[in-house]
Amino acid sequence: MKSLCILPCGRKKIWDKQPEQGAVDAADAYIGVLHRLCRQYADLYVKEWVIISGKHGLLQPNDTVPGNYDLTFQPNHPEVITVEQLREQVKAKQLDQFERIIALTGKKYQPVINRVFSEAQDIQYPLLGTRGIGEIQHLLKESIISGKPLHHL
């Protein structure tokens, strides 16, 4: 089954360390600990991944992020990308070819991801039910070190 991992973007971005930095690839834009751990997990177990951003939607590794921003998925916020725009991105970026979605995101992303990837055969949220970022980071580190994935194969 062809799998796609969805990574959270995170608040900490390259511009926090290098304010003069111009546009960068999505793969280089997000520098927070949680994002880096999610990326290591995806590289180890899934191979293909996108970053989900409230502002830019589904970013493939070499998509351009033009600059710093601080926007998360909030219902009815006028700047947040819509489900319809996300569905258009899924088609345009051929993300509809993936049968299994592994979302390394929190609960607030679940309704959006479920609606956007409604055609997928299997959508998994292996980090749901955790008690905060410390536990999430611990689980990801343990999985990376042990070689045991958190999602079902």
N, C-alpha and C. Protein backbone atom coordinates (compact mmCIF):
# COMPACT_ATOMS: atom_id res chain seq x y z
N MET A 1 0.85 -1.18 0.00
CA MET A 1 0.00 0.00 0.00
C MET A 1 0.90 1.24 0.00
N LYS A 2 0.62 2.16 -0.89
CA LYS A 2 1.43 3.37 -1.01
C LYS A 2 1.06 4.37 0.09
N SER A 3 2.07 4.79 0.87
CA SER A 3 1.83 5.62 2.05
C SER A 3 2.40 7.02 1.92
N LEU A 4 1.70 7.97 2.55
CA LEU A 4 2.13 9.36 2.63
C LEU A 4 2.07 9.78 4.10
N CYS A 5 3.12 10.42 4.57
CA CYS A 5 3.15 10.92 5.93
C CYS A 5 2.86 12.42 5.91
N ILE A 6 2.01 12.87 6.82
CA ILE A 6 1.69 14.29 6.96
C ILE A 6 2.34 14.80 8.24
N LEU A 7 3.20 15.80 8.08
CA LEU A 7 3.94 16.37 9.20
C LEU A 7 3.35 17.73 9.59
N PRO A 8 3.33 18.03 10.89
CA PRO A 8 2.92 19.37 11.29
C PRO A 8 4.04 20.36 10.96
N CYS A 9 3.69 21.61 10.67
CA CYS A 9 4.72 22.58 10.32
C CYS A 9 5.49 23.05 11.55
N GLY A 10 4.83 23.56 12.52
CA GLY A 10 5.50 24.06 13.73
C GLY A 10 5.71 25.56 13.70
N ARG A 11 5.76 26.15 14.87
CA ARG A 11 5.88 27.59 15.00
C ARG A 11 7.29 28.08 14.69
N LYS A 12 8.30 27.30 15.07
CA LYS A 12 9.69 27.73 14.89
C LYS A 12 10.13 27.50 13.44
N LYS A 13 10.58 28.59 12.83
CA LYS A 13 10.96 28.55 11.41
C LYS A 13 12.35 29.16 11.22
N ILE A 14 12.94 28.92 10.07
CA ILE A 14 14.28 29.37 9.75
C ILE A 14 14.45 30.88 9.98
N TRP A 15 13.41 31.66 9.76
CA TRP A 15 13.49 33.11 9.90
C TRP A 15 13.64 33.55 11.35
N ASP A 16 13.32 32.66 12.30
CA ASP A 16 13.53 32.98 13.71
C ASP A 16 15.03 33.06 14.02
N LYS A 17 15.82 32.26 13.31
CA LYS A 17 17.29 32.26 13.50
C LYS A 17 17.99 33.17 12.49
N GLN A 18 17.41 33.26 11.30
CA GLN A 18 18.02 34.04 10.21
C GLN A 18 16.96 34.97 9.61
N PRO A 19 16.65 36.07 10.28
CA PRO A 19 15.58 36.96 9.83
C PRO A 19 15.76 37.49 8.41
N GLU A 20 16.99 37.60 7.96
CA GLU A 20 17.26 38.12 6.62
C GLU A 20 17.06 37.08 5.53
N GLN A 21 16.86 35.83 5.91
CA GLN A 21 16.69 34.74 4.95
C GLN A 21 15.46 34.99 4.08
N GLY A 22 15.61 34.82 2.80
CA GLY A 22 14.49 34.97 1.87
C GLY A 22 13.68 33.69 1.80
N ALA A 23 13.02 33.50 0.70
CA ALA A 23 12.20 32.30 0.48
C ALA A 23 13.06 31.05 0.52
N VAL A 24 12.51 29.97 1.06
CA VAL A 24 13.23 28.69 1.15
C VAL A 24 12.29 27.55 0.77
N ASP A 25 12.89 26.39 0.48
CA ASP A 25 12.10 25.18 0.28
C ASP A 25 11.42 24.81 1.59
N ALA A 26 10.25 24.21 1.50
CA ALA A 26 9.53 23.78 2.70
C ALA A 26 10.38 22.85 3.57
N ALA A 27 11.21 22.01 2.94
CA ALA A 27 12.07 21.09 3.68
C ALA A 27 13.03 21.83 4.61
N ASP A 28 13.33 23.10 4.31
CA ASP A 28 14.29 23.87 5.11
C ASP A 28 13.63 24.94 5.98
N ALA A 29 12.34 25.13 5.86
CA ALA A 29 11.67 26.24 6.54
C ALA A 29 11.40 25.99 8.02
N TYR A 30 11.09 24.75 8.38
CA TYR A 30 10.61 24.45 9.74
C TYR A 30 11.72 23.79 10.53
N ILE A 31 12.07 24.38 11.70
CA ILE A 31 13.28 23.95 12.42
C ILE A 31 13.01 23.53 13.86
N GLY A 32 11.77 23.46 14.27
CA GLY A 32 11.45 23.08 15.65
C GLY A 32 11.76 21.61 15.92
N VAL A 33 11.94 21.27 17.18
CA VAL A 33 12.28 19.90 17.58
C VAL A 33 11.21 18.91 17.13
N LEU A 34 9.94 19.22 17.39
CA LEU A 34 8.87 18.30 17.01
C LEU A 34 8.85 18.07 15.50
N HIS A 35 8.97 19.13 14.73
CA HIS A 35 8.97 18.96 13.27
C HIS A 35 10.15 18.08 12.84
N ARG A 36 11.32 18.32 13.40
CA ARG A 36 12.51 17.54 13.00
C ARG A 36 12.33 16.07 13.36
N LEU A 37 11.75 15.78 14.52
CA LEU A 37 11.51 14.39 14.90
C LEU A 37 10.49 13.73 13.97
N CYS A 38 9.44 14.46 13.64
CA CYS A 38 8.43 13.93 12.71
C CYS A 38 9.06 13.64 11.35
N ARG A 39 9.93 14.52 10.93
CA ARG A 39 10.61 14.34 9.65
C ARG A 39 11.52 13.11 9.67
N GLN A 40 12.27 12.92 10.76
CA GLN A 40 13.12 11.73 10.89
C GLN A 40 12.27 10.47 10.83
N TYR A 41 11.14 10.49 11.53
CA TYR A 41 10.22 9.35 11.53
C TYR A 41 9.74 9.06 10.11
N ALA A 42 9.29 10.10 9.41
CA ALA A 42 8.79 9.93 8.05
C ALA A 42 9.88 9.41 7.12
N ASP A 43 11.07 9.96 7.22
CA ASP A 43 12.17 9.51 6.36
C ASP A 43 12.51 8.05 6.63
N LEU A 44 12.41 7.62 7.87
CA LEU A 44 12.76 6.25 8.26
C LEU A 44 11.69 5.24 7.82
N TYR A 45 10.42 5.58 8.01
CA TYR A 45 9.37 4.58 7.83
C TYR A 45 8.47 4.77 6.60
N VAL A 46 8.32 5.98 6.13
CA VAL A 46 7.29 6.22 5.11
C VAL A 46 7.89 6.69 3.78
N LYS A 47 8.95 7.43 3.82
CA LYS A 47 9.68 7.96 2.66
C LYS A 47 9.02 9.20 2.05
N GLU A 48 7.75 9.14 1.70
CA GLU A 48 7.11 10.30 1.06
C GLU A 48 6.31 11.06 2.10
N TRP A 49 6.50 12.38 2.13
CA TRP A 49 5.83 13.20 3.13
C TRP A 49 5.51 14.59 2.60
N VAL A 50 4.55 15.20 3.27
CA VAL A 50 4.19 16.61 3.04
C VAL A 50 4.05 17.26 4.41
N ILE A 51 4.16 18.57 4.41
CA ILE A 51 3.97 19.36 5.62
C ILE A 51 2.62 20.04 5.49
N ILE A 52 1.83 19.99 6.56
CA ILE A 52 0.54 20.69 6.51
C ILE A 52 0.67 22.02 7.26
N SER A 53 0.28 23.08 6.57
CA SER A 53 0.40 24.44 7.07
C SER A 53 -0.96 25.13 6.97
N GLY A 54 -1.36 25.81 8.02
CA GLY A 54 -2.61 26.55 7.99
C GLY A 54 -2.63 27.66 6.95
N LYS A 55 -1.46 28.16 6.60
CA LYS A 55 -1.36 29.24 5.62
C LYS A 55 -1.18 28.72 4.19
N HIS A 56 -0.27 27.74 4.03
CA HIS A 56 0.12 27.30 2.69
C HIS A 56 -0.47 25.95 2.28
N GLY A 57 -1.11 25.27 3.20
CA GLY A 57 -1.71 23.98 2.85
C GLY A 57 -0.71 22.85 2.89
N LEU A 58 -0.77 21.99 1.88
CA LEU A 58 0.08 20.79 1.81
C LEU A 58 1.35 21.12 1.02
N LEU A 59 2.45 21.16 1.74
CA LEU A 59 3.73 21.54 1.14
C LEU A 59 4.60 20.32 0.90
N GLN A 60 4.99 20.12 -0.34
CA GLN A 60 5.97 19.09 -0.64
C GLN A 60 7.34 19.65 -0.32
N PRO A 61 8.35 18.78 -0.11
CA PRO A 61 9.65 19.24 0.35
C PRO A 61 10.26 20.40 -0.46
N ASN A 62 10.08 20.41 -1.78
CA ASN A 62 10.70 21.48 -2.55
C ASN A 62 9.73 22.60 -2.95
N ASP A 63 8.55 22.63 -2.33
CA ASP A 63 7.66 23.78 -2.51
C ASP A 63 8.28 24.98 -1.78
N THR A 64 8.06 26.16 -2.31
CA THR A 64 8.64 27.37 -1.73
C THR A 64 7.75 27.96 -0.64
N VAL A 65 8.40 28.30 0.49
CA VAL A 65 7.74 29.07 1.54
C VAL A 65 8.36 30.46 1.46
N PRO A 66 7.56 31.48 1.12
CA PRO A 66 8.13 32.79 0.81
C PRO A 66 8.71 33.55 2.00
N GLY A 67 8.20 33.29 3.19
CA GLY A 67 8.69 34.03 4.35
C GLY A 67 7.99 33.59 5.62
N ASN A 68 8.36 34.23 6.72
CA ASN A 68 7.84 33.86 8.03
C ASN A 68 6.35 34.17 8.15
N TYR A 69 5.67 33.38 8.96
CA TYR A 69 4.25 33.59 9.24
C TYR A 69 3.92 32.87 10.54
N ASP A 70 2.80 33.21 11.14
CA ASP A 70 2.34 32.53 12.35
C ASP A 70 0.84 32.35 12.22
N LEU A 71 0.45 31.20 11.67
CA LEU A 71 -0.97 30.92 11.44
C LEU A 71 -1.19 29.43 11.61
N THR A 72 -2.12 29.09 12.46
CA THR A 72 -2.44 27.69 12.68
C THR A 72 -3.89 27.45 12.27
N PHE A 73 -4.27 26.18 12.17
CA PHE A 73 -5.65 25.86 11.80
C PHE A 73 -6.60 26.29 12.91
N GLN A 74 -7.35 27.35 12.63
CA GLN A 74 -8.38 27.85 13.54
C GLN A 74 -9.67 27.93 12.74
N PRO A 75 -10.74 27.36 13.27
CA PRO A 75 -12.01 27.42 12.52
C PRO A 75 -12.41 28.86 12.20
N ASN A 76 -12.85 29.06 10.99
CA ASN A 76 -13.39 30.34 10.52
C ASN A 76 -12.39 31.51 10.49
N HIS A 77 -11.10 31.22 10.61
CA HIS A 77 -10.10 32.30 10.47
C HIS A 77 -9.97 32.61 8.98
N PRO A 78 -10.07 33.89 8.59
CA PRO A 78 -10.10 34.23 7.16
C PRO A 78 -8.82 33.88 6.39
N GLU A 79 -7.69 33.77 7.06
CA GLU A 79 -6.43 33.48 6.36
C GLU A 79 -6.10 31.99 6.29
N VAL A 80 -6.83 31.17 7.02
CA VAL A 80 -6.55 29.73 7.02
C VAL A 80 -7.03 29.11 5.72
N ILE A 81 -6.21 28.26 5.15
CA ILE A 81 -6.55 27.58 3.90
C ILE A 81 -7.81 26.74 4.10
N THR A 82 -8.66 26.68 3.09
CA THR A 82 -9.92 25.96 3.20
C THR A 82 -9.76 24.49 2.81
N VAL A 83 -10.71 23.68 3.21
CA VAL A 83 -10.72 22.27 2.83
C VAL A 83 -10.77 22.15 1.31
N GLU A 84 -11.55 23.00 0.67
CA GLU A 84 -11.64 22.95 -0.80
C GLU A 84 -10.29 23.27 -1.45
N GLN A 85 -9.59 24.26 -0.94
CA GLN A 85 -8.25 24.58 -1.47
C GLN A 85 -7.29 23.41 -1.23
N LEU A 86 -7.39 22.77 -0.08
CA LEU A 86 -6.55 21.61 0.20
C LEU A 86 -6.86 20.46 -0.76
N ARG A 87 -8.14 20.25 -1.04
CA ARG A 87 -8.52 19.19 -2.00
C ARG A 87 -7.96 19.48 -3.39
N GLU A 88 -7.97 20.75 -3.78
CA GLU A 88 -7.37 21.14 -5.06
C GLU A 88 -5.87 20.85 -5.08
N GLN A 89 -5.20 21.11 -3.96
CA GLN A 89 -3.77 20.81 -3.86
C GLN A 89 -3.52 19.30 -3.96
N VAL A 90 -4.37 18.50 -3.33
CA VAL A 90 -4.23 17.04 -3.38
C VAL A 90 -4.25 16.58 -4.84
N LYS A 91 -5.18 17.10 -5.62
CA LYS A 91 -5.25 16.71 -7.03
C LYS A 91 -4.06 17.25 -7.82
N ALA A 92 -3.75 18.53 -7.66
CA ALA A 92 -2.67 19.17 -8.42
C ALA A 92 -1.30 18.53 -8.13
N LYS A 93 -1.11 18.13 -6.88
CA LYS A 93 0.19 17.56 -6.48
C LYS A 93 0.19 16.03 -6.53
N GLN A 94 -0.91 15.47 -7.04
CA GLN A 94 -1.08 14.02 -7.19
C GLN A 94 -0.91 13.27 -5.86
N LEU A 95 -1.42 13.87 -4.80
CA LEU A 95 -1.38 13.23 -3.49
C LEU A 95 -2.53 12.24 -3.31
N ASP A 96 -3.44 12.22 -4.29
CA ASP A 96 -4.56 11.29 -4.24
C ASP A 96 -4.16 9.87 -4.64
N GLN A 97 -2.90 9.67 -5.01
CA GLN A 97 -2.41 8.34 -5.36
C GLN A 97 -2.07 7.49 -4.12
N PHE A 98 -2.04 8.11 -2.95
CA PHE A 98 -1.66 7.40 -1.72
C PHE A 98 -2.89 6.77 -1.07
N GLU A 99 -2.77 5.47 -0.76
CA GLU A 99 -3.88 4.75 -0.14
C GLU A 99 -3.85 4.85 1.38
N ARG A 100 -2.65 5.00 1.93
CA ARG A 100 -2.50 5.09 3.40
C ARG A 100 -1.91 6.45 3.75
N ILE A 101 -2.54 7.11 4.71
CA ILE A 101 -2.08 8.40 5.22
C ILE A 101 -1.69 8.20 6.68
N ILE A 102 -0.46 8.57 7.01
CA ILE A 102 0.00 8.55 8.40
C ILE A 102 0.16 10.00 8.82
N ALA A 103 -0.72 10.48 9.66
CA ALA A 103 -0.72 11.88 10.09
C ALA A 103 -0.07 12.00 11.46
N LEU A 104 1.09 12.63 11.49
CA LEU A 104 1.80 12.84 12.75
C LEU A 104 1.38 14.18 13.35
N THR A 105 0.08 14.37 13.42
CA THR A 105 -0.49 15.64 13.85
C THR A 105 -1.38 15.42 15.06
N GLY A 106 -1.78 16.53 15.65
CA GLY A 106 -2.69 16.48 16.78
C GLY A 106 -4.14 16.42 16.35
N LYS A 107 -5.00 16.42 17.35
CA LYS A 107 -6.44 16.26 17.18
C LYS A 107 -7.07 17.35 16.31
N LYS A 108 -6.55 18.59 16.40
CA LYS A 108 -7.19 19.69 15.66
C LYS A 108 -7.07 19.52 14.15
N TYR A 109 -6.11 18.73 13.68
CA TYR A 109 -5.95 18.49 12.25
C TYR A 109 -6.84 17.36 11.73
N GLN A 110 -7.30 16.52 12.63
CA GLN A 110 -8.01 15.30 12.24
C GLN A 110 -9.22 15.56 11.34
N PRO A 111 -10.14 16.48 11.69
CA PRO A 111 -11.29 16.69 10.81
C PRO A 111 -10.88 17.18 9.42
N VAL A 112 -9.87 18.03 9.36
CA VAL A 112 -9.41 18.57 8.07
C VAL A 112 -8.80 17.44 7.23
N ILE A 113 -7.89 16.68 7.80
CA ILE A 113 -7.23 15.59 7.06
C ILE A 113 -8.24 14.54 6.62
N ASN A 114 -9.16 14.18 7.51
CA ASN A 114 -10.18 13.19 7.15
C ASN A 114 -11.03 13.65 5.96
N ARG A 115 -11.36 14.92 5.90
CA ARG A 115 -12.17 15.44 4.79
C ARG A 115 -11.35 15.56 3.51
N VAL A 116 -10.11 15.98 3.64
CA VAL A 116 -9.27 16.20 2.46
C VAL A 116 -8.84 14.87 1.83
N PHE A 117 -8.57 13.88 2.65
CA PHE A 117 -8.12 12.58 2.16
C PHE A 117 -9.20 11.52 2.32
N SER A 118 -10.45 11.90 2.08
CA SER A 118 -11.58 10.98 2.28
C SER A 118 -11.52 9.76 1.37
N GLU A 119 -10.77 9.84 0.28
CA GLU A 119 -10.66 8.71 -0.65
C GLU A 119 -9.62 7.67 -0.20
N ALA A 120 -8.77 8.02 0.74
CA ALA A 120 -7.73 7.10 1.20
C ALA A 120 -8.37 5.88 1.87
N GLN A 121 -7.74 4.72 1.71
CA GLN A 121 -8.25 3.49 2.32
C GLN A 121 -8.00 3.46 3.82
N ASP A 122 -6.90 4.11 4.25
CA ASP A 122 -6.46 4.00 5.65
C ASP A 122 -5.84 5.33 6.07
N ILE A 123 -6.40 5.95 7.11
CA ILE A 123 -5.81 7.17 7.69
C ILE A 123 -5.50 6.86 9.15
N GLN A 124 -4.24 7.01 9.51
CA GLN A 124 -3.80 6.70 10.87
C GLN A 124 -3.25 7.95 11.55
N TYR A 125 -3.51 8.05 12.84
CA TYR A 125 -3.02 9.14 13.70
C TYR A 125 -2.29 8.51 14.88
N PRO A 126 -1.05 8.06 14.69
CA PRO A 126 -0.37 7.31 15.74
C PRO A 126 -0.02 8.12 16.99
N LEU A 127 -0.14 9.44 16.94
CA LEU A 127 0.21 10.26 18.10
C LEU A 127 -1.02 10.74 18.88
N LEU A 128 -2.22 10.39 18.41
CA LEU A 128 -3.43 10.79 19.16
C LEU A 128 -3.46 10.07 20.49
N GLY A 129 -3.98 10.76 21.49
CA GLY A 129 -4.10 10.15 22.80
C GLY A 129 -2.90 10.43 23.70
N THR A 130 -1.90 11.11 23.17
CA THR A 130 -0.74 11.45 23.99
C THR A 130 -1.10 12.64 24.88
N ARG A 131 -0.29 12.84 25.90
CA ARG A 131 -0.59 13.88 26.89
C ARG A 131 0.34 15.09 26.75
N GLY A 132 0.59 15.48 25.53
CA GLY A 132 1.39 16.69 25.33
C GLY A 132 2.64 16.47 24.52
N ILE A 133 3.32 17.56 24.25
CA ILE A 133 4.46 17.54 23.34
C ILE A 133 5.63 16.72 23.87
N GLY A 134 5.82 16.72 25.19
CA GLY A 134 6.91 15.92 25.78
C GLY A 134 6.73 14.44 25.49
N GLU A 135 5.52 13.94 25.67
CA GLU A 135 5.24 12.52 25.41
C GLU A 135 5.35 12.21 23.91
N ILE A 136 4.89 13.14 23.08
CA ILE A 136 4.98 12.94 21.63
C ILE A 136 6.44 12.83 21.21
N GLN A 137 7.27 13.75 21.69
CA GLN A 137 8.69 13.72 21.33
C GLN A 137 9.35 12.44 21.83
N HIS A 138 8.99 12.01 23.02
CA HIS A 138 9.54 10.77 23.59
C HIS A 138 9.16 9.57 22.72
N LEU A 139 7.88 9.48 22.34
CA LEU A 139 7.44 8.36 21.49
C LEU A 139 8.16 8.34 20.15
N LEU A 140 8.30 9.50 19.54
CA LEU A 140 8.98 9.58 18.24
C LEU A 140 10.45 9.17 18.37
N LYS A 141 11.13 9.69 19.39
CA LYS A 141 12.55 9.33 19.61
C LYS A 141 12.70 7.83 19.83
N GLU A 142 11.84 7.27 20.68
CA GLU A 142 11.90 5.82 20.95
C GLU A 142 11.70 5.00 19.68
N SER A 143 10.74 5.41 18.88
CA SER A 143 10.44 4.70 17.64
C SER A 143 11.62 4.77 16.67
N ILE A 144 12.23 5.94 16.55
CA ILE A 144 13.37 6.13 15.65
C ILE A 144 14.55 5.27 16.11
N ILE A 145 14.82 5.27 17.41
CA ILE A 145 15.95 4.51 17.94
C ILE A 145 15.71 3.00 17.85
N SER A 146 14.50 2.57 18.18
CA SER A 146 14.19 1.13 18.23
C SER A 146 13.93 0.52 16.86
N GLY A 147 13.58 1.37 15.89
CA GLY A 147 13.21 0.83 14.56
C GLY A 147 11.82 0.25 14.53
N LYS A 148 10.99 0.58 15.53
CA LYS A 148 9.61 0.09 15.58
C LYS A 148 8.66 1.24 15.30
N PRO A 149 7.94 1.20 14.17
CA PRO A 149 7.05 2.30 13.83
C PRO A 149 5.85 2.40 14.77
N LEU A 150 5.33 3.59 14.90
CA LEU A 150 4.14 3.84 15.73
C LEU A 150 2.85 3.55 14.97
N HIS A 151 2.93 3.55 13.65
CA HIS A 151 1.73 3.30 12.83
C HIS A 151 1.69 1.83 12.44
N HIS A 152 0.51 1.38 12.00
CA HIS A 152 0.30 -0.01 11.57
C HIS A 152 0.72 -0.13 10.11
N LEU A 153 1.43 -1.19 9.83
CA LEU A 153 1.88 -1.44 8.46
C LEU A 153 0.86 -2.22 7.68
